[in-house]
Amino acid sequence: MADQRKHNIHTTPNPNGGWDIQSAGGGKLSHHRTKEEAEQAGREEAKKARTELKIHNKDGKISDSVSYGNDPYPPKG
């Protein structure tokens, strides 16, 4: 089974200001002025790719995760 984590989309703070959308396997996709703009763009990218969106806080820690496909069925647990 392929490792799906490499396809996840992340919203991350940019050290120079603003927020970036990054693909775990492919680098920076876009840059946004606000976290809200980045989250919206990240959701659109994750939906297109049918993968997960990982939303990071300003400190870089993941604060939320939203899945748009490739979920196992039945779910574990």
PDB file of N, CA and C in Angstrom:
ATOM      1  N   MET A   1       0.841  -1.188   0.000  1.00  0.00           N
ATOM      2  CA  MET A   1       0.000   0.000   0.000  1.00  0.00           C
ATOM      3  C   MET A   1       0.882   1.245   0.000  1.00  0.00           C
ATOM      4  N   ALA A   2       0.572   2.198  -0.849  1.00  0.00           N
ATOM      5  CA  ALA A   2       1.372   3.424  -0.955  1.00  0.00           C
ATOM      6  C   ALA A   2       1.177   4.301   0.274  1.00  0.00           C
ATOM      7  N   ASP A   3       2.195   5.037   0.615  1.00  0.00           N
ATOM      8  CA  ASP A   3       2.140   5.945   1.759  1.00  0.00           C
ATOM      9  C   ASP A   3       1.427   7.227   1.339  1.00  0.00           C
ATOM     10  N   GLN A   4       0.188   7.426   1.810  1.00  0.00           N
ATOM     11  CA  GLN A   4      -0.618   8.584   1.422  1.00  0.00           C
ATOM     12  C   GLN A   4      -0.122   9.887   2.029  1.00  0.00           C
ATOM     13  N   ARG A   5       0.669   9.819   3.115  1.00  0.00           N
ATOM     14  CA  ARG A   5       1.129  11.044   3.771  1.00  0.00           C
ATOM     15  C   ARG A   5       1.934  11.933   2.838  1.00  0.00           C
ATOM     16  N   LYS A   6       2.636  11.348   1.883  1.00  0.00           N
ATOM     17  CA  LYS A   6       3.460  12.168   0.999  1.00  0.00           C
ATOM     18  C   LYS A   6       2.618  13.039   0.070  1.00  0.00           C
ATOM     19  N   HIS A   7       1.316  12.776  -0.007  1.00  0.00           N
ATOM     20  CA  HIS A   7       0.436  13.554  -0.872  1.00  0.00           C
ATOM     21  C   HIS A   7      -0.398  14.575  -0.108  1.00  0.00           C
ATOM     22  N   ASN A   8      -0.278  14.610   1.211  1.00  0.00           N
ATOM     23  CA  ASN A   8      -1.060  15.554   2.009  1.00  0.00           C
ATOM     24  C   ASN A   8      -0.716  16.994   1.649  1.00  0.00           C
ATOM     25  N   ILE A   9      -1.695  17.874   1.849  1.00  0.00           N
ATOM     26  CA  ILE A   9      -1.525  19.309   1.648  1.00  0.00           C
ATOM     27  C   ILE A   9      -1.422  19.948   3.031  1.00  0.00           C
ATOM     28  N   HIS A  10      -0.508  20.905   3.191  1.00  0.00           N
ATOM     29  CA  HIS A  10      -0.294  21.562   4.479  1.00  0.00           C
ATOM     30  C   HIS A  10      -0.415  23.076   4.331  1.00  0.00           C
ATOM     31  N   THR A  11      -1.075  23.720   5.309  1.00  0.00           N
ATOM     32  CA  THR A  11      -1.003  25.178   5.437  1.00  0.00           C
ATOM     33  C   THR A  11       0.042  25.449   6.508  1.00  0.00           C
ATOM     34  N   THR A  12       1.064  26.216   6.167  1.00  0.00           N
ATOM     35  CA  THR A  12       2.162  26.464   7.104  1.00  0.00           C
ATOM     36  C   THR A  12       2.508  27.949   7.143  1.00  0.00           C
ATOM     37  N   PRO A  13       2.933  28.434   8.313  1.00  0.00           N
ATOM     38  CA  PRO A  13       3.354  29.833   8.383  1.00  0.00           C
ATOM     39  C   PRO A  13       4.658  30.032   7.613  1.00  0.00           C
ATOM     40  N   ASN A  14       4.747  31.149   6.904  1.00  0.00           N
ATOM     41  CA  ASN A  14       5.972  31.482   6.186  1.00  0.00           C
ATOM     42  C   ASN A  14       6.820  32.358   7.103  1.00  0.00           C
ATOM     43  N   PRO A  15       8.111  32.041   7.283  1.00  0.00           N
ATOM     44  CA  PRO A  15       8.955  32.827   8.187  1.00  0.00           C
ATOM     45  C   PRO A  15       9.069  34.304   7.797  1.00  0.00           C
ATOM     46  N   ASN A  16       8.793  34.630   6.537  1.00  0.00           N
ATOM     47  CA  ASN A  16       8.861  36.017   6.069  1.00  0.00           C
ATOM     48  C   ASN A  16       7.504  36.711   6.095  1.00  0.00           C
ATOM     49  N   GLY A  17       6.500  36.045   6.658  1.00  0.00           N
ATOM     50  CA  GLY A  17       5.155  36.604   6.732  1.00  0.00           C
ATOM     51  C   GLY A  17       4.192  35.866   5.829  1.00  0.00           C
ATOM     52  N   GLY A  18       2.943  35.859   6.230  1.00  0.00           N
ATOM     53  CA  GLY A  18       1.922  35.177   5.449  1.00  0.00           C
ATOM     54  C   GLY A  18       1.930  33.675   5.682  1.00  0.00           C
ATOM     55  N   TRP A  19       1.222  32.981   4.808  1.00  0.00           N
ATOM     56  CA  TRP A  19       1.036  31.537   4.945  1.00  0.00           C
ATOM     57  C   TRP A  19       1.251  30.859   3.605  1.00  0.00           C
ATOM     58  N   ASP A  20       1.809  29.651   3.645  1.00  0.00           N
ATOM     59  CA  ASP A  20       2.062  28.880   2.431  1.00  0.00           C
ATOM     60  C   ASP A  20       1.175  27.648   2.382  1.00  0.00           C
ATOM     61  N   ILE A  21       0.873  27.219   1.165  1.00  0.00           N
ATOM     62  CA  ILE A  21       0.254  25.926   0.920  1.00  0.00           C
ATOM     63  C   ILE A  21       1.361  25.056   0.356  1.00  0.00           C
ATOM     64  N   GLN A  22       1.582  23.911   0.991  1.00  0.00           N
ATOM     65  CA  GLN A  22       2.656  23.021   0.570  1.00  0.00           C
ATOM     66  C   GLN A  22       2.132  21.613   0.373  1.00  0.00           C
ATOM     67  N   SER A  23       2.699  20.930  -0.603  1.00  0.00           N
ATOM     68  CA  SER A  23       2.448  19.513  -0.802  1.00  0.00           C
ATOM     69  C   SER A  23       3.571  18.774  -0.100  1.00  0.00           C
ATOM     70  N   ALA A  24       3.222  17.790   0.721  1.00  0.00           N
ATOM     71  CA  ALA A  24       4.240  17.062   1.476  1.00  0.00           C
ATOM     72  C   ALA A  24       5.271  16.423   0.555  1.00  0.00           C
ATOM     73  N   GLY A  25       4.892  16.088  -0.665  1.00  0.00           N
ATOM     74  CA  GLY A  25       5.832  15.457  -1.576  1.00  0.00           C
ATOM     75  C   GLY A  25       6.360  16.358  -2.671  1.00  0.00           C
ATOM     76  N   GLY A  26       5.876  17.616  -2.744  1.00  0.00           N
ATOM     77  CA  GLY A  26       6.252  18.412  -3.896  1.00  0.00           C
ATOM     78  C   GLY A  26       6.599  19.858  -3.661  1.00  0.00           C
ATOM     79  N   GLY A  27       6.700  20.294  -2.429  1.00  0.00           N
ATOM     80  CA  GLY A  27       7.103  21.668  -2.169  1.00  0.00           C
ATOM     81  C   GLY A  27       5.958  22.663  -2.141  1.00  0.00           C
ATOM     82  N   LYS A  28       6.310  23.945  -2.215  1.00  0.00           N
ATOM     83  CA  LYS A  28       5.350  25.046  -2.069  1.00  0.00           C
ATOM     84  C   LYS A  28       4.444  25.149  -3.290  1.00  0.00           C
ATOM     85  N   LEU A  29       3.124  25.233  -3.033  1.00  0.00           N
ATOM     86  CA  LEU A  29       2.147  25.381  -4.103  1.00  0.00           C
ATOM     87  C   LEU A  29       1.715  26.831  -4.282  1.00  0.00           C
ATOM     88  N   SER A  30       1.561  27.558  -3.149  1.00  0.00           N
ATOM     89  CA  SER A  30       1.131  28.956  -3.235  1.00  0.00           C
ATOM     90  C   SER A  30       1.412  29.677  -1.923  1.00  0.00           C
ATOM     91  N   HIS A  31       1.325  31.008  -1.969  1.00  0.00           N
ATOM     92  CA  HIS A  31       1.549  31.856  -0.794  1.00  0.00           C
ATOM     93  C   HIS A  31       0.334  32.759  -0.622  1.00  0.00           C
ATOM     94  N   HIS A  32      -0.059  32.999   0.643  1.00  0.00           N
ATOM     95  CA  HIS A  32      -1.246  33.801   0.932  1.00  0.00           C
ATOM     96  C   HIS A  32      -0.962  34.765   2.071  1.00  0.00           C
ATOM     97  N   ARG A  33      -1.663  35.877   2.057  1.00  0.00           N
ATOM     98  CA  ARG A  33      -1.463  36.923   3.055  1.00  0.00           C
ATOM     99  C   ARG A  33      -1.976  36.511   4.430  1.00  0.00           C
ATOM    100  N   THR A  34      -3.131  35.838   4.468  1.00  0.00           N
ATOM    101  CA  THR A  34      -3.724  35.454   5.753  1.00  0.00           C
ATOM    102  C   THR A  34      -3.877  33.940   5.866  1.00  0.00           C
ATOM    103  N   LYS A  35      -4.011  33.479   7.102  1.00  0.00           N
ATOM    104  CA  LYS A  35      -4.224  32.050   7.345  1.00  0.00           C
ATOM    105  C   LYS A  35      -5.558  31.607   6.741  1.00  0.00           C
ATOM    106  N   GLU A  36      -6.578  32.453   6.833  1.00  0.00           N
ATOM    107  CA  GLU A  36      -7.891  32.116   6.298  1.00  0.00           C
ATOM    108  C   GLU A  36      -7.830  31.893   4.784  1.00  0.00           C
ATOM    109  N   GLU A  37      -7.108  32.772   4.075  1.00  0.00           N
ATOM    110  CA  GLU A  37      -6.949  32.608   2.626  1.00  0.00           C
ATOM    111  C   GLU A  37      -6.207  31.313   2.319  1.00  0.00           C
ATOM    112  N   ALA A  38      -5.184  31.028   3.107  1.00  0.00           N
ATOM    113  CA  ALA A  38      -4.397  29.811   2.898  1.00  0.00           C
ATOM    114  C   ALA A  38      -5.236  28.564   3.162  1.00  0.00           C
ATOM    115  N   GLU A  39      -6.049  28.594   4.209  1.00  0.00           N
ATOM    116  CA  GLU A  39      -6.910  27.442   4.508  1.00  0.00           C
ATOM    117  C   GLU A  39      -7.879  27.180   3.365  1.00  0.00           C
ATOM    118  N   GLN A  40      -8.491  28.231   2.834  1.00  0.00           N
ATOM    119  CA  GLN A  40      -9.438  28.065   1.733  1.00  0.00           C
ATOM    120  C   GLN A  40      -8.745  27.477   0.505  1.00  0.00           C
ATOM    121  N   ALA A  41      -7.584  28.012   0.163  1.00  0.00           N
ATOM    122  CA  ALA A  41      -6.837  27.492  -0.984  1.00  0.00           C
ATOM    123  C   ALA A  41      -6.385  26.057  -0.723  1.00  0.00           C
ATOM    124  N   GLY A  42      -5.983  25.771   0.505  1.00  0.00           N
ATOM    125  CA  GLY A  42      -5.566  24.418   0.865  1.00  0.00           C
ATOM    126  C   GLY A  42      -6.704  23.424   0.749  1.00  0.00           C
ATOM    127  N   ARG A  43      -7.900  23.838   1.169  1.00  0.00           N
ATOM    128  CA  ARG A  43      -9.072  22.962   1.055  1.00  0.00           C
ATOM    129  C   ARG A  43      -9.360  22.637  -0.411  1.00  0.00           C
ATOM    130  N   GLU A  44      -9.277  23.644  -1.271  1.00  0.00           N
ATOM    131  CA  GLU A  44      -9.520  23.426  -2.698  1.00  0.00           C
ATOM    132  C   GLU A  44      -8.492  22.463  -3.286  1.00  0.00           C
ATOM    133  N   GLU A  45      -7.217  22.644  -2.935  1.00  0.00           N
ATOM    134  CA  GLU A  45      -6.159  21.751  -3.426  1.00  0.00           C
ATOM    135  C   GLU A  45      -6.363  20.323  -2.915  1.00  0.00           C
ATOM    136  N   ALA A  46      -6.700  20.187  -1.625  1.00  0.00           N
ATOM    137  CA  ALA A  46      -6.893  18.859  -1.037  1.00  0.00           C
ATOM    138  C   ALA A  46      -8.098  18.154  -1.661  1.00  0.00           C
ATOM    139  N   LYS A  47      -9.161  18.904  -1.946  1.00  0.00           N
ATOM    140  CA  LYS A  47     -10.333  18.311  -2.597  1.00  0.00           C
ATOM    141  C   LYS A  47      -9.977  17.809  -3.985  1.00  0.00           C
ATOM    142  N   LYS A  48      -9.230  18.621  -4.742  1.00  0.00           N
ATOM    143  CA  LYS A  48      -8.821  18.215  -6.093  1.00  0.00           C
ATOM    144  C   LYS A  48      -7.960  16.959  -6.054  1.00  0.00           C
ATOM    145  N   ALA A  49      -7.066  16.901  -5.070  1.00  0.00           N
ATOM    146  CA  ALA A  49      -6.136  15.773  -4.960  1.00  0.00           C
ATOM    147  C   ALA A  49      -6.739  14.593  -4.194  1.00  0.00           C
ATOM    148  N   ARG A  50      -7.935  14.789  -3.614  1.00  0.00           N
ATOM    149  CA  ARG A  50      -8.589  13.757  -2.798  1.00  0.00           C
ATOM    150  C   ARG A  50      -7.645  13.235  -1.722  1.00  0.00           C
ATOM    151  N   THR A  51      -7.154  14.161  -0.933  1.00  0.00           N
ATOM    152  CA  THR A  51      -6.189  13.836   0.113  1.00  0.00           C
ATOM    153  C   THR A  51      -6.532  14.598   1.391  1.00  0.00           C
ATOM    154  N   GLU A  52      -5.612  14.640   2.337  1.00  0.00           N
ATOM    155  CA  GLU A  52      -5.839  15.344   3.598  1.00  0.00           C
ATOM    156  C   GLU A  52      -5.221  16.730   3.580  1.00  0.00           C
ATOM    157  N   LEU A  53      -5.887  17.640   4.289  1.00  0.00           N
ATOM    158  CA  LEU A  53      -5.348  18.974   4.532  1.00  0.00           C
ATOM    159  C   LEU A  53      -4.917  19.028   5.982  1.00  0.00           C
ATOM    160  N   LYS A  54      -3.671  19.373   6.221  1.00  0.00           N
ATOM    161  CA  LYS A  54      -3.137  19.546   7.570  1.00  0.00           C
ATOM    162  C   LYS A  54      -2.969  21.044   7.798  1.00  0.00           C
ATOM    163  N   ILE A  55      -3.666  21.583   8.794  1.00  0.00           N
ATOM    164  CA  ILE A  55      -3.629  23.013   9.088  1.00  0.00           C
ATOM    165  C   ILE A  55      -2.722  23.234  10.290  1.00  0.00           C
ATOM    166  N   HIS A  56      -1.676  24.026  10.092  1.00  0.00           N
ATOM    167  CA  HIS A  56      -0.694  24.284  11.139  1.00  0.00           C
ATOM    168  C   HIS A  56      -0.974  25.614  11.837  1.00  0.00           C
ATOM    169  N   ASN A  57      -0.586  25.697  13.107  1.00  0.00           N
ATOM    170  CA  ASN A  57      -0.627  26.954  13.860  1.00  0.00           C
ATOM    171  C   ASN A  57       0.602  27.781  13.523  1.00  0.00           C
ATOM    172  N   LYS A  58       0.655  28.987  14.061  1.00  0.00           N
ATOM    173  CA  LYS A  58       1.805  29.875  13.863  1.00  0.00           C
ATOM    174  C   LYS A  58       3.100  29.238  14.374  1.00  0.00           C
ATOM    175  N   ASP A  59       2.998  28.372  15.409  1.00  0.00           N
ATOM    176  CA  ASP A  59       4.186  27.704  15.948  1.00  0.00           C
ATOM    177  C   ASP A  59       4.590  26.469  15.140  1.00  0.00           C
ATOM    178  N   GLY A  60       3.846  26.160  14.077  1.00  0.00           N
ATOM    179  CA  GLY A  60       4.184  25.047  13.203  1.00  0.00           C
ATOM    180  C   GLY A  60       3.519  23.728  13.552  1.00  0.00           C
ATOM    181  N   LYS A  61       2.870  23.652  14.716  1.00  0.00           N
ATOM    182  CA  LYS A  61       2.197  22.415  15.114  1.00  0.00           C
ATOM    183  C   LYS A  61       0.870  22.278  14.374  1.00  0.00           C
ATOM    184  N   ILE A  62       0.499  21.034  14.054  1.00  0.00           N
ATOM    185  CA  ILE A  62      -0.769  20.782  13.374  1.00  0.00           C
ATOM    186  C   ILE A  62      -1.917  21.027  14.345  1.00  0.00           C
ATOM    187  N   SER A  63      -2.851  21.903  13.947  1.00  0.00           N
ATOM    188  CA  SER A  63      -4.001  22.218  14.797  1.00  0.00           C
ATOM    189  C   SER A  63      -5.275  21.527  14.330  1.00  0.00           C
ATOM    190  N   ASP A  64      -5.327  21.156  13.044  1.00  0.00           N
ATOM    191  CA  ASP A  64      -6.525  20.524  12.509  1.00  0.00           C
ATOM    192  C   ASP A  64      -6.159  19.713  11.278  1.00  0.00           C
ATOM    193  N   SER A  65      -6.985  18.725  10.985  1.00  0.00           N
ATOM    194  CA  SER A  65      -6.779  17.873   9.825  1.00  0.00           C
ATOM    195  C   SER A  65      -8.140  17.579   9.215  1.00  0.00           C
ATOM    196  N   VAL A  66      -8.246  17.727   7.890  1.00  0.00           N
ATOM    197  CA  VAL A  66      -9.500  17.481   7.190  1.00  0.00           C
ATOM    198  C   VAL A  66      -9.218  16.525   6.043  1.00  0.00           C
ATOM    199  N   SER A  67     -10.019  15.460   5.946  1.00  0.00           N
ATOM    200  CA  SER A  67      -9.809  14.456   4.907  1.00  0.00           C
ATOM    201  C   SER A  67     -10.810  14.640   3.773  1.00  0.00           C
ATOM    202  N   TYR A  68     -10.310  14.542   2.540  1.00  0.00           N
ATOM    203  CA  TYR A  68     -11.155  14.656   1.358  1.00  0.00           C
ATOM    204  C   TYR A  68     -11.051  13.426   0.471  1.00  0.00           C
ATOM    205  N   GLY A  69     -10.842  12.258   1.050  1.00  0.00           N
ATOM    206  CA  GLY A  69     -10.807  11.038   0.258  1.00  0.00           C
ATOM    207  C   GLY A  69      -9.729  10.091   0.713  1.00  0.00           C
ATOM    208  N   ASN A  70      -9.696   8.926   0.081  1.00  0.00           N
ATOM    209  CA  ASN A  70      -8.728   7.876   0.379  1.00  0.00           C
ATOM    210  C   ASN A  70      -8.797   7.404   1.825  1.00  0.00           C
ATOM    211  N   ASP A  71      -9.964   7.512   2.448  1.00  0.00           N
ATOM    212  CA  ASP A  71     -10.124   7.028   3.810  1.00  0.00           C
ATOM    213  C   ASP A  71     -10.363   5.522   3.785  1.00  0.00           C
ATOM    214  N   PRO A  72      -9.771   4.792   4.724  1.00  0.00           N
ATOM    215  CA  PRO A  72      -9.996   3.345   4.760  1.00  0.00           C
ATOM    216  C   PRO A  72     -11.442   3.033   5.147  1.00  0.00           C
ATOM    217  N   TYR A  73     -11.991   1.962   4.564  1.00  0.00           N
ATOM    218  CA  TYR A  73     -13.324   1.530   4.948  1.00  0.00           C
ATOM    219  C   TYR A  73     -13.287   0.045   5.206  1.00  0.00           C
ATOM    220  N   PRO A  74     -13.755  -0.418   6.312  1.00  0.00           N
ATOM    221  CA  PRO A  74     -14.307   0.369   7.402  1.00  0.00           C
ATOM    222  C   PRO A  74     -13.207   1.088   8.169  1.00  0.00           C
ATOM    223  N   PRO A  75     -13.548   2.189   8.842  1.00  0.00           N
ATOM    224  CA  PRO A  75     -12.534   2.925   9.609  1.00  0.00           C
ATOM    225  C   PRO A  75     -11.996   2.089  10.761  1.00  0.00           C
ATOM    226  N   LYS A  76     -10.735   2.313  11.098  1.00  0.00           N
ATOM    227  CA  LYS A  76     -10.123   1.611  12.224  1.00  0.00           C
ATOM    228  C   LYS A  76     -10.656   2.188  13.521  1.00  0.00           C
ATOM    229  N   GLY A  77     -10.742   1.314  14.547  1.00  0.00           N
ATOM    230  CA  GLY A  77     -11.110   1.778  15.887  1.00  0.00           C
ATOM    231  C   GLY A  77     -12.530   1.713  16.095  1.00  0.00           C
TER     232      GLY A  77
END
